[in-house]
Amino acid sequence: TVQGKLTQVENPSDMRVQLIGNNGVYSAITRLDGSFVVRDVPPGAFLLDVLSVKYNFTTIRVDVSAKYNGKVKARPLHEPNNFITYPLELKPSGHYQFIQHRKPYDFSGMIRNLLFIG
């Protein structure tokens, strides 16, 4: 079992937590308070991703121990010495922005365009 909480987010119930590894995918839907529990996770190494339309989260490597009765260790994927306390507390690393603001219309650009003149 892997558990944790998403913090500093709006509407955490719209997000999913997904563990990928050991030839399987294990997932959970977050609760209204941001907490999640991924059940029946076998021992092994997994990548934890938070699936969200609005927020970007860092991928976390999660190791579930077979030797120590399912003890969980977690760290950011590209930071081998920076372990995260358990239960996991995950904060977004940024916001997604899907809308780009258009530049205002430039009439002089139309005049400079050779195709328009020719």
Protein backbone atom coordinates (compact mmCIF):
# COMPACT_ATOMS: atom_id res chain seq x y z
CA THR A 1 0.00 0.00 0.00
CA VAL A 2 1.31 3.43 -0.99
CA GLN A 3 -0.38 6.46 0.51
CA GLY A 4 0.05 10.20 0.60
CA LYS A 5 -1.57 13.56 0.03
CA LEU A 6 -1.58 16.24 -2.67
CA THR A 7 -1.14 19.72 -1.22
CA GLN A 8 -1.44 23.27 -2.57
CA VAL A 9 -3.95 22.26 -5.26
CA GLU A 10 -7.54 23.18 -6.08
CA ASN A 11 -10.07 20.36 -6.62
CA PRO A 12 -7.73 17.44 -5.86
CA SER A 13 -10.58 15.00 -6.48
CA ASP A 14 -10.15 15.66 -10.23
CA MET A 15 -6.69 14.06 -10.18
CA ARG A 16 -5.36 10.49 -10.28
CA VAL A 17 -2.22 8.97 -8.85
CA GLN A 18 -0.63 6.23 -10.93
CA LEU A 19 2.19 3.79 -10.12
CA ILE A 20 3.83 2.16 -13.13
CA GLY A 21 6.29 -0.73 -12.82
CA ASN A 22 6.72 -4.47 -12.26
CA ASN A 23 4.70 -5.17 -15.42
CA GLY A 24 1.64 -3.47 -13.96
CA VAL A 25 -0.18 -0.20 -13.45
CA TYR A 26 -1.71 0.63 -10.07
CA SER A 27 -3.81 3.75 -9.64
CA ALA A 28 -6.05 5.63 -7.23
CA ILE A 29 -8.38 8.60 -7.38
CA THR A 30 -7.61 11.29 -4.83
CA ARG A 31 -10.15 12.18 -2.17
CA LEU A 32 -11.64 15.64 -1.59
CA ASP A 33 -8.90 16.46 0.95
CA GLY A 34 -6.15 15.43 -1.52
CA SER A 35 -5.25 12.14 0.17
CA PHE A 36 -4.80 8.93 -1.82
CA VAL A 37 -4.20 5.25 -1.15
CA VAL A 38 -2.92 2.86 -3.82
CA ARG A 39 -3.73 -0.65 -2.60
CA ASP A 40 -2.32 -4.09 -3.43
CA VAL A 41 1.05 -2.79 -4.62
CA PRO A 42 3.56 -5.67 -4.80
CA PRO A 43 7.22 -5.25 -3.79
CA GLY A 44 9.40 -3.57 -6.40
CA ALA A 45 10.36 -0.25 -7.97
CA PHE A 46 7.68 2.03 -9.42
CA LEU A 47 7.31 5.46 -11.00
CA LEU A 48 4.57 7.57 -9.41
CA ASP A 49 2.86 10.15 -11.59
CA VAL A 50 0.03 12.50 -10.70
CA LEU A 51 -2.35 12.87 -13.63
CA SER A 52 -3.76 16.38 -13.66
CA VAL A 53 -5.01 18.75 -16.32
CA LYS A 54 -4.11 21.87 -14.35
CA TYR A 55 -0.89 21.06 -12.45
CA ASN A 56 2.52 19.60 -13.24
CA PHE A 57 4.04 17.23 -10.66
CA THR A 58 7.54 15.80 -10.53
CA THR A 59 7.78 12.06 -11.24
CA ILE A 60 8.60 10.15 -8.05
CA ARG A 61 10.44 6.84 -7.80
CA VAL A 62 8.79 4.61 -5.19
CA ASP A 63 10.49 1.49 -3.82
CA VAL A 64 8.31 -1.02 -1.97
CA SER A 65 10.44 -3.43 0.06
CA ALA A 66 9.82 -7.19 0.09
CA LYS A 67 12.39 -7.72 2.84
CA TYR A 68 10.98 -5.17 5.31
CA ASN A 69 7.26 -6.03 5.07
CA GLY A 70 6.24 -3.48 2.42
CA LYS A 71 8.23 -0.48 3.72
CA VAL A 72 8.02 2.38 1.24
CA LYS A 73 10.88 4.71 0.23
CA ALA A 74 10.35 7.52 -2.25
CA ARG A 75 12.47 10.15 -3.97
CA PRO A 76 12.23 12.44 -7.00
CA LEU A 77 13.25 10.49 -10.10
CA HIS A 78 16.39 12.51 -10.90
CA GLU A 79 17.52 13.18 -7.30
CA PRO A 80 18.96 9.92 -5.92
CA ASN A 81 19.85 11.27 -2.45
CA ASN A 82 16.75 13.40 -1.74
CA PHE A 83 14.25 11.07 -0.02
CA ILE A 84 10.65 12.13 0.66
CA THR A 85 9.04 11.40 4.02
CA TYR A 86 6.31 8.78 4.14
CA PRO A 87 3.31 9.11 3.86
CA LEU A 88 4.07 11.12 0.74
CA GLU A 89 3.23 14.82 0.57
CA LEU A 90 3.30 15.99 -3.03
CA LYS A 91 3.23 19.61 -4.17
CA PRO A 92 2.88 20.74 -7.78
CA SER A 93 6.02 22.01 -9.49
CA GLY A 94 4.02 24.33 -11.76
CA HIS A 95 0.82 25.08 -13.64
CA TYR A 96 -0.01 24.07 -17.17
CA GLN A 97 -0.94 26.94 -19.46
CA PHE A 98 -2.79 25.91 -22.58
CA ILE A 99 -3.88 29.32 -23.84
CA GLN A 100 -1.41 31.66 -25.51
CA HIS A 101 -2.34 35.29 -25.84
CA ARG A 102 -2.26 36.57 -29.41
CA LYS A 103 -0.25 39.58 -30.36
CA PRO A 104 -2.34 42.62 -31.25
CA TYR A 105 -2.99 43.18 -34.95
CA ASP A 106 -0.17 45.09 -36.65
CA PHE A 107 -1.40 46.93 -39.76
CA SER A 108 2.14 47.93 -40.75
CA GLY A 109 3.05 44.23 -41.01
CA MET A 110 0.48 43.82 -43.76
CA ILE A 111 2.00 46.73 -45.66
CA ARG A 112 5.50 45.25 -45.35
CA ASN A 113 4.39 41.87 -46.65
CA LEU A 114 5.58 41.51 -50.24
CA LEU A 115 2.85 39.02 -51.08
CA PHE A 116 0.22 41.62 -50.28
CA ILE A 117 1.87 44.24 -52.48
CA GLY A 118 2.56 41.90 -55.40
